[in-house]
């Protein structure tokens, strides 16, 4: 199993990068939202309602994107754990086979 542990480490590192990307994207989305919100006073009537609806959709899209990136990171981590388990099981099986062949 020792020769393959870096694969799981690479997966965990990728999951960390996804988490970091999620944080960075959320910061940028928040910044854009603040800029958009600063124009709120310029809208009136139907334009105000459209702006409000747009901001609701924007918030929803931000939430869904964050959830998707979080789920990707979780799945990558789960895959790393499953990979290690499968690798350990295969190593044990090969050792058993080797021991059985040593007559």
PDB file of N, CA and C in Angstrom:
ATOM      1  N   UNK A   1       0.816  -1.191   0.000  1.00  0.00           N
ATOM      2  CA  UNK A   1       0.000   0.000   0.000  1.00  0.00           C
ATOM      3  C   UNK A   1       0.861   1.257   0.000  1.00  0.00           C
ATOM      4  N   UNK A   2       2.019   1.223   0.549  1.00  0.00           N
ATOM      5  CA  UNK A   2       2.856   2.390   0.676  1.00  0.00           C
ATOM      6  C   UNK A   2       3.136   3.116  -0.625  1.00  0.00           C
ATOM      7  N   UNK A   3       3.277   2.399  -1.708  1.00  0.00           N
ATOM      8  CA  UNK A   3       3.613   3.055  -2.967  1.00  0.00           C
ATOM      9  C   UNK A   3       2.455   3.840  -3.569  1.00  0.00           C
ATOM     10  N   UNK A   4       1.229   3.638  -3.092  1.00  0.00           N
ATOM     11  CA  UNK A   4       0.071   4.313  -3.665  1.00  0.00           C
ATOM     12  C   UNK A   4      -0.515   5.402  -2.767  1.00  0.00           C
ATOM     13  N   UNK A   5       0.027   5.607  -1.579  1.00  0.00           N
ATOM     14  CA  UNK A   5      -0.573   6.573  -0.660  1.00  0.00           C
ATOM     15  C   UNK A   5      -0.575   7.987  -1.225  1.00  0.00           C
ATOM     16  N   UNK A   6       0.382   8.301  -2.094  1.00  0.00           N
ATOM     17  CA  UNK A   6       0.386   9.648  -2.659  1.00  0.00           C
ATOM     18  C   UNK A   6      -0.850   9.910  -3.504  1.00  0.00           C
ATOM     19  N   UNK A   7      -1.443   8.884  -4.094  1.00  0.00           N
ATOM     20  CA  UNK A   7      -2.650   9.096  -4.891  1.00  0.00           C
ATOM     21  C   UNK A   7      -3.779   9.650  -4.015  1.00  0.00           C
ATOM     22  N   UNK A   8      -3.967   9.072  -2.859  1.00  0.00           N
ATOM     23  CA  UNK A   8      -4.997   9.573  -1.942  1.00  0.00           C
ATOM     24  C   UNK A   8      -4.625  10.975  -1.462  1.00  0.00           C
ATOM     25  N   UNK A   9      -3.338  11.193  -1.231  1.00  0.00           N
ATOM     26  CA  UNK A   9      -2.889  12.527  -0.823  1.00  0.00           C
ATOM     27  C   UNK A   9      -3.164  13.557  -1.918  1.00  0.00           C
ATOM     28  N   UNK A  10      -2.956  13.161  -3.163  1.00  0.00           N
ATOM     29  CA  UNK A  10      -3.238  14.062  -4.286  1.00  0.00           C
ATOM     30  C   UNK A  10      -4.729  14.389  -4.323  1.00  0.00           C
ATOM     31  N   UNK A  11      -5.567  13.389  -4.086  1.00  0.00           N
ATOM     32  CA  UNK A  11      -7.015  13.616  -4.066  1.00  0.00           C
ATOM     33  C   UNK A  11      -7.394  14.582  -2.946  1.00  0.00           C
ATOM     34  N   UNK A  12      -6.809  14.384  -1.772  1.00  0.00           N
ATOM     35  CA  UNK A  12      -7.115  15.280  -0.652  1.00  0.00           C
ATOM     36  C   UNK A  12      -6.639  16.706  -0.934  1.00  0.00           C
ATOM     37  N   UNK A  13      -5.490  16.804  -1.567  1.00  0.00           N
ATOM     38  CA  UNK A  13      -4.975  18.118  -1.940  1.00  0.00           C
ATOM     39  C   UNK A  13      -5.905  18.792  -2.954  1.00  0.00           C
ATOM     40  N   UNK A  14      -6.413  18.020  -3.889  1.00  0.00           N
ATOM     41  CA  UNK A  14      -7.364  18.563  -4.869  1.00  0.00           C
ATOM     42  C   UNK A  14      -8.634  19.037  -4.170  1.00  0.00           C
ATOM     43  N   UNK A  15      -9.094  18.287  -3.187  1.00  0.00           N
ATOM     44  CA  UNK A  15     -10.291  18.686  -2.436  1.00  0.00           C
ATOM     45  C   UNK A  15     -10.043  20.003  -1.704  1.00  0.00           C
ATOM     46  N   UNK A  16      -8.853  20.165  -1.151  1.00  0.00           N
ATOM     47  CA  UNK A  16      -8.506  21.423  -0.477  1.00  0.00           C
ATOM     48  C   UNK A  16      -8.522  22.585  -1.470  1.00  0.00           C
ATOM     49  N   UNK A  17      -8.005  22.341  -2.680  1.00  0.00           N
ATOM     50  CA  UNK A  17      -8.013  23.396  -3.698  1.00  0.00           C
ATOM     51  C   UNK A  17      -9.442  23.755  -4.100  1.00  0.00           C
ATOM     52  N   UNK A  18     -10.315  22.764  -4.163  1.00  0.00           N
ATOM     53  CA  UNK A  18     -11.722  23.046  -4.467  1.00  0.00           C
ATOM     54  C   UNK A  18     -12.321  23.910  -3.355  1.00  0.00           C
ATOM     55  N   UNK A  19     -12.019  23.580  -2.097  1.00  0.00           N
ATOM     56  CA  UNK A  19     -12.505  24.394  -0.971  1.00  0.00           C
ATOM     57  C   UNK A  19     -11.984  25.832  -1.063  1.00  0.00           C
ATOM     58  N   UNK A  20     -10.698  25.964  -1.395  1.00  0.00           N
ATOM     59  CA  UNK A  20     -10.107  27.300  -1.524  1.00  0.00           C
ATOM     60  C   UNK A  20     -10.755  28.070  -2.673  1.00  0.00           C
ATOM     61  N   UNK A  21     -10.991  27.373  -3.778  1.00  0.00           N
ATOM     62  CA  UNK A  21     -11.653  28.004  -4.922  1.00  0.00           C
ATOM     63  C   UNK A  21     -13.052  28.455  -4.539  1.00  0.00           C
ATOM     64  N   UNK A  22     -13.761  27.616  -3.805  1.00  0.00           N
ATOM     65  CA  UNK A  22     -15.108  27.957  -3.353  1.00  0.00           C
ATOM     66  C   UNK A  22     -15.074  29.242  -2.525  1.00  0.00           C
ATOM     67  N   UNK A  23     -14.129  29.329  -1.615  1.00  0.00           N
ATOM     68  CA  UNK A  23     -14.005  30.539  -0.784  1.00  0.00           C
ATOM     69  C   UNK A  23     -13.689  31.764  -1.630  1.00  0.00           C
ATOM     70  N   UNK A  24     -12.752  31.615  -2.562  1.00  0.00           N
ATOM     71  CA  UNK A  24     -12.375  32.739  -3.427  1.00  0.00           C
ATOM     72  C   UNK A  24     -13.537  33.192  -4.302  1.00  0.00           C
ATOM     73  N   UNK A  25     -14.244  32.227  -4.867  1.00  0.00           N
ATOM     74  CA  UNK A  25     -15.390  32.551  -5.721  1.00  0.00           C
ATOM     75  C   UNK A  25     -16.458  33.272  -4.904  1.00  0.00           C
ATOM     76  N   UNK A  26     -16.718  32.789  -3.699  1.00  0.00           N
ATOM     77  CA  UNK A  26     -17.726  33.438  -2.856  1.00  0.00           C
ATOM     78  C   UNK A  26     -17.334  34.866  -2.497  1.00  0.00           C
ATOM     79  N   UNK A  27     -16.052  35.093  -2.240  1.00  0.00           N
ATOM     80  CA  UNK A  27     -15.598  36.459  -1.956  1.00  0.00           C
ATOM     81  C   UNK A  27     -15.837  37.367  -3.156  1.00  0.00           C
ATOM     82  N   UNK A  28     -15.525  36.872  -4.343  1.00  0.00           N
ATOM     83  CA  UNK A  28     -15.720  37.681  -5.550  1.00  0.00           C
ATOM     84  C   UNK A  28     -17.206  37.905  -5.828  1.00  0.00           C
ATOM     85  N   UNK A  29     -18.007  36.876  -5.653  1.00  0.00           N
ATOM     86  CA  UNK A  29     -19.454  37.016  -5.850  1.00  0.00           C
ATOM     87  C   UNK A  29     -20.021  38.028  -4.855  1.00  0.00           C
ATOM     88  N   UNK A  30     -19.571  37.968  -3.618  1.00  0.00           N
ATOM     89  CA  UNK A  30     -20.023  38.939  -2.612  1.00  0.00           C
ATOM     90  C   UNK A  30     -19.626  40.363  -3.006  1.00  0.00           C
ATOM     91  N   UNK A  31     -18.407  40.509  -3.540  1.00  0.00           N
ATOM     92  CA  UNK A  31     -17.938  41.831  -3.959  1.00  0.00           C
ATOM     93  C   UNK A  31     -18.824  42.374  -5.083  1.00  0.00           C
ATOM     94  N   UNK A  32     -19.105  41.528  -6.079  1.00  0.00           N
ATOM     95  CA  UNK A  32     -19.961  41.949  -7.190  1.00  0.00           C
ATOM     96  C   UNK A  32     -21.360  42.298  -6.680  1.00  0.00           C
ATOM     97  N   UNK A  33     -21.845  41.500  -5.739  1.00  0.00           N
ATOM     98  CA  UNK A  33     -23.174  41.767  -5.189  1.00  0.00           C
ATOM     99  C   UNK A  33     -23.204  43.118  -4.471  1.00  0.00           C
ATOM    100  N   UNK A  34     -22.153  43.435  -3.741  1.00  0.00           N
ATOM    101  CA  UNK A  34     -22.091  44.732  -3.053  1.00  0.00           C
ATOM    102  C   UNK A  34     -22.119  45.889  -4.052  1.00  0.00           C
ATOM    103  N   UNK A  35     -21.398  45.726  -5.158  1.00  0.00           N
ATOM    104  CA  UNK A  35     -21.408  46.761  -6.194  1.00  0.00           C
ATOM    105  C   UNK A  35     -22.818  46.910  -6.759  1.00  0.00           C
ATOM    106  N   UNK A  36     -23.454  45.783  -7.067  1.00  0.00           N
ATOM    107  CA  UNK A  36     -24.822  45.829  -7.606  1.00  0.00           C
ATOM    108  C   UNK A  36     -25.777  46.457  -6.598  1.00  0.00           C
ATOM    109  N   UNK A  37     -25.650  46.055  -5.343  1.00  0.00           N
ATOM    110  CA  UNK A  37     -26.536  46.595  -4.303  1.00  0.00           C
ATOM    111  C   UNK A  37     -26.354  48.106  -4.133  1.00  0.00           C
ATOM    112  N   UNK A  38     -25.161  48.597  -4.413  1.00  0.00           N
ATOM    113  CA  UNK A  38     -24.923  50.038  -4.267  1.00  0.00           C
ATOM    114  C   UNK A  38     -25.710  50.853  -5.296  1.00  0.00           C
ATOM    115  N   UNK A  39     -26.252  50.192  -6.308  1.00  0.00           N
ATOM    116  CA  UNK A  39     -27.058  50.891  -7.321  1.00  0.00           C
ATOM    117  C   UNK A  39     -28.553  50.810  -7.021  1.00  0.00           C
ATOM    118  N   UNK A  40     -28.909  50.146  -5.942  1.00  0.00           N
ATOM    119  CA  UNK A  40     -30.324  49.908  -5.619  1.00  0.00           C
ATOM    120  C   UNK A  40     -31.151  51.199  -5.624  1.00  0.00           C
ATOM    121  N   UNK A  41     -30.608  52.268  -5.118  1.00  0.00           N
ATOM    122  CA  UNK A  41     -31.385  53.513  -5.012  1.00  0.00           C
ATOM    123  C   UNK A  41     -31.700  54.138  -6.374  1.00  0.00           C
ATOM    124  N   UNK A  42     -31.031  53.697  -7.416  1.00  0.00           N
ATOM    125  CA  UNK A  42     -31.278  54.248  -8.750  1.00  0.00           C
ATOM    126  C   UNK A  42     -32.482  53.611  -9.439  1.00  0.00           C
ATOM    127  N   UNK A  43     -32.986  52.528  -8.878  1.00  0.00           N
ATOM    128  CA  UNK A  43     -34.082  51.800  -9.513  1.00  0.00           C
ATOM    129  C   UNK A  43     -35.411  52.185  -8.867  1.00  0.00           C
ATOM    130  N   UNK A  44     -36.455  52.221  -9.694  1.00  0.00           N
ATOM    131  CA  UNK A  44     -37.793  52.545  -9.176  1.00  0.00           C
ATOM    132  C   UNK A  44     -38.836  51.770  -9.978  1.00  0.00           C
ATOM    133  N   UNK A  45     -39.963  51.525  -9.351  1.00  0.00           N
ATOM    134  CA  UNK A  45     -41.085  50.880 -10.029  1.00  0.00           C
ATOM    135  C   UNK A  45     -40.758  49.487 -10.534  1.00  0.00           C
ATOM    136  N   UNK A  46     -41.105  49.243 -11.799  1.00  0.00           N
ATOM    137  CA  UNK A  46     -40.883  47.925 -12.411  1.00  0.00           C
ATOM    138  C   UNK A  46     -39.393  47.572 -12.441  1.00  0.00           C
ATOM    139  N   UNK A  47     -38.559  48.570 -12.671  1.00  0.00           N
ATOM    140  CA  UNK A  47     -37.112  48.329 -12.670  1.00  0.00           C
ATOM    141  C   UNK A  47     -36.643  47.859 -11.291  1.00  0.00           C
ATOM    142  N   UNK A  48     -37.213  48.430 -10.237  1.00  0.00           N
ATOM    143  CA  UNK A  48     -36.868  48.020  -8.874  1.00  0.00           C
ATOM    144  C   UNK A  48     -37.274  46.572  -8.634  1.00  0.00           C
ATOM    145  N   UNK A  49     -38.472  46.216  -9.079  1.00  0.00           N
ATOM    146  CA  UNK A  49     -38.929  44.827  -8.914  1.00  0.00           C
ATOM    147  C   UNK A  49     -38.032  43.870  -9.698  1.00  0.00           C
ATOM    148  N   UNK A  50     -37.668  44.253 -10.900  1.00  0.00           N
ATOM    149  CA  UNK A  50     -36.773  43.417 -11.712  1.00  0.00           C
ATOM    150  C   UNK A  50     -35.412  43.267 -11.039  1.00  0.00           C
ATOM    151  N   UNK A  51     -34.917  44.372 -10.493  1.00  0.00           N
ATOM    152  CA  UNK A  51     -33.642  44.331  -9.788  1.00  0.00           C
ATOM    153  C   UNK A  51     -33.731  43.399  -8.584  1.00  0.00           C
ATOM    154  N   UNK A  52     -34.796  43.512  -7.818  1.00  0.00           N
ATOM    155  CA  UNK A  52     -34.983  42.652  -6.646  1.00  0.00           C
ATOM    156  C   UNK A  52     -35.038  41.180  -7.050  1.00  0.00           C
ATOM    157  N   UNK A  53     -35.765  40.881  -8.127  1.00  0.00           N
ATOM    158  CA  UNK A  53     -35.851  39.495  -8.609  1.00  0.00           C
ATOM    159  C   UNK A  53     -34.485  38.994  -9.064  1.00  0.00           C
ATOM    160  N   UNK A  54     -33.747  39.857  -9.734  1.00  0.00           N
ATOM    161  CA  UNK A  54     -32.402  39.495 -10.173  1.00  0.00           C
ATOM    162  C   UNK A  54     -31.513  39.171  -8.980  1.00  0.00           C
ATOM    163  N   UNK A  55     -31.584  39.968  -7.939  1.00  0.00           N
ATOM    164  CA  UNK A  55     -30.747  39.739  -6.763  1.00  0.00           C
ATOM    165  C   UNK A  55     -31.136  38.446  -6.052  1.00  0.00           C
ATOM    166  N   UNK A  56     -32.416  38.103  -6.054  1.00  0.00           N
ATOM    167  CA  UNK A  56     -32.852  36.824  -5.473  1.00  0.00           C
ATOM    168  C   UNK A  56     -32.255  35.675  -6.278  1.00  0.00           C
ATOM    169  N   UNK A  57     -32.316  35.783  -7.608  1.00  0.00           N
ATOM    170  CA  UNK A  57     -31.739  34.733  -8.457  1.00  0.00           C
ATOM    171  C   UNK A  57     -30.222  34.663  -8.278  1.00  0.00           C
ATOM    172  N   UNK A  58     -29.605  35.809  -8.132  1.00  0.00           N
ATOM    173  CA  UNK A  58     -28.162  35.883  -7.920  1.00  0.00           C
ATOM    174  C   UNK A  58     -27.782  35.160  -6.625  1.00  0.00           C
ATOM    175  N   UNK A  59     -28.520  35.451  -5.553  1.00  0.00           N
ATOM    176  CA  UNK A  59     -28.269  34.781  -4.267  1.00  0.00           C
ATOM    177  C   UNK A  59     -28.447  33.275  -4.391  1.00  0.00           C
ATOM    178  N   UNK A  60     -29.494  32.861  -5.088  1.00  0.00           N
ATOM    179  CA  UNK A  60     -29.757  31.437  -5.268  1.00  0.00           C
ATOM    180  C   UNK A  60     -28.640  30.772  -6.072  1.00  0.00           C
ATOM    181  N   UNK A  61     -28.190  31.434  -7.127  1.00  0.00           N
ATOM    182  CA  UNK A  61     -27.104  30.883  -7.942  1.00  0.00           C
ATOM    183  C   UNK A  61     -25.820  30.772  -7.122  1.00  0.00           C
ATOM    184  N   UNK A  62     -25.550  31.777  -6.292  1.00  0.00           N
ATOM    185  CA  UNK A  62     -24.363  31.730  -5.434  1.00  0.00           C
ATOM    186  C   UNK A  62     -24.456  30.556  -4.460  1.00  0.00           C
ATOM    187  N   UNK A  63     -25.620  30.374  -3.880  1.00  0.00           N
ATOM    188  CA  UNK A  63     -25.811  29.276  -2.932  1.00  0.00           C
ATOM    189  C   UNK A  63     -25.607  27.931  -3.625  1.00  0.00           C
ATOM    190  N   UNK A  64     -26.216  27.763  -4.815  1.00  0.00           N
ATOM    191  CA  UNK A  64     -26.101  26.491  -5.530  1.00  0.00           C
ATOM    192  C   UNK A  64     -24.662  26.214  -5.960  1.00  0.00           C
ATOM    193  N   UNK A  65     -23.955  27.248  -6.392  1.00  0.00           N
ATOM    194  CA  UNK A  65     -22.559  27.076  -6.773  1.00  0.00           C
ATOM    195  C   UNK A  65     -21.724  26.649  -5.571  1.00  0.00           C
ATOM    196  N   UNK A  66     -21.920  27.309  -4.441  1.00  0.00           N
ATOM    197  CA  UNK A  66     -21.189  26.939  -3.227  1.00  0.00           C
ATOM    198  C   UNK A  66     -21.478  25.519  -2.795  1.00  0.00           C
ATOM    199  N   UNK A  67     -22.750  25.125  -2.871  1.00  0.00           N
ATOM    200  CA  UNK A  67     -23.121  23.750  -2.512  1.00  0.00           C
ATOM    201  C   UNK A  67     -22.491  22.745  -3.468  1.00  0.00           C
ATOM    202  N   UNK A  68     -22.473  23.074  -4.756  1.00  0.00           N
ATOM    203  CA  UNK A  68     -21.885  22.163  -5.743  1.00  0.00           C
ATOM    204  C   UNK A  68     -20.388  21.997  -5.506  1.00  0.00           C
ATOM    205  N   UNK A  69     -19.689  23.097  -5.275  1.00  0.00           N
ATOM    206  CA  UNK A  69     -18.252  23.002  -5.024  1.00  0.00           C
ATOM    207  C   UNK A  69     -17.968  22.255  -3.725  1.00  0.00           C
ATOM    208  N   UNK A  70     -18.775  22.485  -2.709  1.00  0.00           N
ATOM    209  CA  UNK A  70     -18.605  21.744  -1.448  1.00  0.00           C
ATOM    210  C   UNK A  70     -18.826  20.256  -1.666  1.00  0.00           C
ATOM    211  N   UNK A  71     -19.844  19.910  -2.435  1.00  0.00           N
ATOM    212  CA  UNK A  71     -20.127  18.496  -2.714  1.00  0.00           C
ATOM    213  C   UNK A  71     -18.987  17.860  -3.500  1.00  0.00           C
ATOM    214  N   UNK A  72     -18.411  18.601  -4.433  1.00  0.00           N
ATOM    215  CA  UNK A  72     -17.274  18.078  -5.195  1.00  0.00           C
ATOM    216  C   UNK A  72     -16.115  17.776  -4.253  1.00  0.00           C
ATOM    217  N   UNK A  73     -15.816  18.694  -3.347  1.00  0.00           N
ATOM    218  CA  UNK A  73     -14.719  18.481  -2.395  1.00  0.00           C
ATOM    219  C   UNK A  73     -14.988  17.264  -1.516  1.00  0.00           C
ATOM    220  N   UNK A  74     -16.212  17.124  -1.045  1.00  0.00           N
ATOM    221  CA  UNK A  74     -16.576  15.966  -0.212  1.00  0.00           C
ATOM    222  C   UNK A  74     -16.413  14.678  -1.012  1.00  0.00           C
ATOM    223  N   UNK A  75     -16.879  14.675  -2.256  1.00  0.00           N
ATOM    224  CA  UNK A  75     -16.765  13.472  -3.086  1.00  0.00           C
ATOM    225  C   UNK A  75     -15.313  13.104  -3.346  1.00  0.00           C
ATOM    226  N   UNK A  76     -14.473  14.095  -3.578  1.00  0.00           N
ATOM    227  CA  UNK A  76     -13.055  13.813  -3.790  1.00  0.00           C
ATOM    228  C   UNK A  76     -12.454  13.201  -2.528  1.00  0.00           C
ATOM    229  N   UNK A  77     -12.788  13.755  -1.368  1.00  0.00           N
ATOM    230  CA  UNK A  77     -12.271  13.192  -0.111  1.00  0.00           C
ATOM    231  C   UNK A  77     -12.775  11.763   0.102  1.00  0.00           C
ATOM    232  N   UNK A  78     -14.051  11.538  -0.180  1.00  0.00           N
ATOM    233  CA  UNK A  78     -14.602  10.184  -0.060  1.00  0.00           C
ATOM    234  C   UNK A  78     -13.890   9.223  -1.007  1.00  0.00           C
ATOM    235  N   UNK A  79     -13.611   9.683  -2.223  1.00  0.00           N
ATOM    236  CA  UNK A  79     -12.894   8.840  -3.178  1.00  0.00           C
ATOM    237  C   UNK A  79     -11.500   8.504  -2.673  1.00  0.00           C
ATOM    238  N   UNK A  80     -10.840   9.454  -2.034  1.00  0.00           N
ATOM    239  CA  UNK A  80      -9.512   9.196  -1.471  1.00  0.00           C
ATOM    240  C   UNK A  80      -9.592   8.116  -0.400  1.00  0.00           C
ATOM    241  N   UNK A  81     -10.591   8.217   0.458  1.00  0.00           N
ATOM    242  CA  UNK A  81     -10.773   7.214   1.514  1.00  0.00           C
ATOM    243  C   UNK A  81     -11.087   5.851   0.914  1.00  0.00           C
ATOM    244  N   UNK A  82     -11.980   5.821  -0.070  1.00  0.00           N
ATOM    245  CA  UNK A  82     -12.325   4.555  -0.728  1.00  0.00           C
ATOM    246  C   UNK A  82     -11.129   3.968  -1.454  1.00  0.00           C
ATOM    247  N   UNK A  83     -10.329   4.819  -2.071  1.00  0.00           N
ATOM    248  CA  UNK A  83      -9.131   4.364  -2.772  1.00  0.00           C
ATOM    249  C   UNK A  83      -8.168   3.699  -1.795  1.00  0.00           C
ATOM    250  N   UNK A  84      -7.973   4.344  -0.652  1.00  0.00           N
ATOM    251  CA  UNK A  84      -7.074   3.760   0.349  1.00  0.00           C
ATOM    252  C   UNK A  84      -7.598   2.417   0.839  1.00  0.00           C
ATOM    253  N   UNK A  85      -8.908   2.332   1.057  1.00  0.00           N
ATOM    254  CA  UNK A  85      -9.493   1.070   1.509  1.00  0.00           C
ATOM    255  C   UNK A  85      -9.345  -0.022   0.472  1.00  0.00           C
ATOM    256  N   UNK A  86      -9.602   0.303  -0.782  1.00  0.00           N
ATOM    257  CA  UNK A  86      -9.468  -0.689  -1.854  1.00  0.00           C
ATOM    258  C   UNK A  86      -8.013  -1.089  -2.029  1.00  0.00           C
ATOM    259  N   UNK A  87      -7.118  -0.123  -1.923  1.00  0.00           N
ATOM    260  CA  UNK A  87      -5.696  -0.412  -2.063  1.00  0.00           C
ATOM    261  C   UNK A  87      -5.220  -1.322  -0.937  1.00  0.00           C
ATOM    262  N   UNK A  88      -5.658  -1.049   0.284  1.00  0.00           N
ATOM    263  CA  UNK A  88      -5.270  -1.886   1.429  1.00  0.00           C
ATOM    264  C   UNK A  88      -5.824  -3.290   1.270  1.00  0.00           C
ATOM    265  N   UNK A  89      -7.059  -3.400   0.822  1.00  0.00           N
ATOM    266  CA  UNK A  89      -7.678  -4.711   0.622  1.00  0.00           C
ATOM    267  C   UNK A  89      -6.942  -5.503  -0.452  1.00  0.00           C
ATOM    268  N   UNK A  90      -6.593  -4.835  -1.539  1.00  0.00           N
ATOM    269  CA  UNK A  90      -5.860  -5.502  -2.620  1.00  0.00           C
ATOM    270  C   UNK A  90      -4.488  -5.949  -2.137  1.00  0.00           C
ATOM    271  N   UNK A  91      -3.831  -5.106  -1.374  1.00  0.00           N
ATOM    272  CA  UNK A  91      -2.521  -5.466  -0.830  1.00  0.00           C
ATOM    273  C   UNK A  91      -2.635  -6.689   0.073  1.00  0.00           C
ATOM    274  N   UNK A  92      -3.645  -6.710   0.926  1.00  0.00           N
ATOM    275  CA  UNK A  92      -3.860  -7.869   1.800  1.00  0.00           C
ATOM    276  C   UNK A  92      -4.138  -9.125   0.985  1.00  0.00           C
ATOM    277  N   UNK A  93      -4.960  -9.002  -0.049  1.00  0.00           N
ATOM    278  CA  UNK A  93      -5.264 -10.152  -0.908  1.00  0.00           C
ATOM    279  C   UNK A  93      -4.009 -10.676  -1.587  1.00  0.00           C
ATOM    280  N   UNK A  94      -3.185  -9.776  -2.082  1.00  0.00           N
ATOM    281  CA  UNK A  94      -1.952 -10.203  -2.743  1.00  0.00           C
ATOM    282  C   UNK A  94      -0.998 -10.869  -1.759  1.00  0.00           C
ATOM    283  N   UNK A  95      -0.953 -10.372  -0.551  1.00  0.00           N
ATOM    284  CA  UNK A  95      -0.105 -11.010   0.464  1.00  0.00           C
ATOM    285  C   UNK A  95      -0.614 -12.414   0.782  1.00  0.00           C
ATOM    286  N   UNK A  96      -1.927 -12.563   0.868  1.00  0.00           N
ATOM    287  CA  UNK A  96      -2.509 -13.884   1.135  1.00  0.00           C
ATOM    288  C   UNK A  96      -2.201 -14.847   0.003  1.00  0.00           C
ATOM    289  N   UNK A  97      -2.326 -14.362  -1.220  1.00  0.00           N
ATOM    290  CA  UNK A  97      -2.027 -15.215  -2.378  1.00  0.00           C
ATOM    291  C   UNK A  97      -0.560 -15.601  -2.375  1.00  0.00           C
ATOM    292  N   UNK A  98       0.310 -14.625  -2.111  1.00  0.00           N
ATOM    293  CA  UNK A  98       1.745 -14.905  -2.074  1.00  0.00           C
ATOM    294  C   UNK A  98       2.079 -15.912  -0.988  1.00  0.00           C
ATOM    295  N   UNK A  99       1.454 -15.774   0.168  1.00  0.00           N
ATOM    296  CA  UNK A  99       1.708 -16.707   1.273  1.00  0.00           C
ATOM    297  C   UNK A  99       1.225 -18.101   0.904  1.00  0.00           C
ATOM    298  N   UNK A 100       0.111 -18.183   0.199  1.00  0.00           N
ATOM    299  CA  UNK A 100      -0.420 -19.477  -0.221  1.00  0.00           C
ATOM    300  C   UNK A 100       0.448 -20.146  -1.267  1.00  0.00           C
ATOM    301  N   UNK A 101       1.150 -19.369  -2.060  1.00  0.00           N
ATOM    302  CA  UNK A 101       2.009 -19.919  -3.105  1.00  0.00           C
ATOM    303  C   UNK A 101       3.366 -20.347  -2.568  1.00  0.00           C
ATOM    304  N   UNK A 102       3.754 -19.839  -1.427  1.00  0.00           N
ATOM    305  CA  UNK A 102       5.054 -20.192  -0.844  1.00  0.00           C
ATOM    306  C   UNK A 102       4.949 -21.563  -0.198  1.00  0.00           C
ATOM    307  N   UNK A 103       5.239 -22.557  -0.968  1.00  0.00           N
ATOM    308  CA  UNK A 103       5.121 -23.942  -0.488  1.00  0.00           C
ATOM    309  C   UNK A 103       6.337 -24.395   0.213  1.00  0.00           C
TER     310      UNK A 103
END
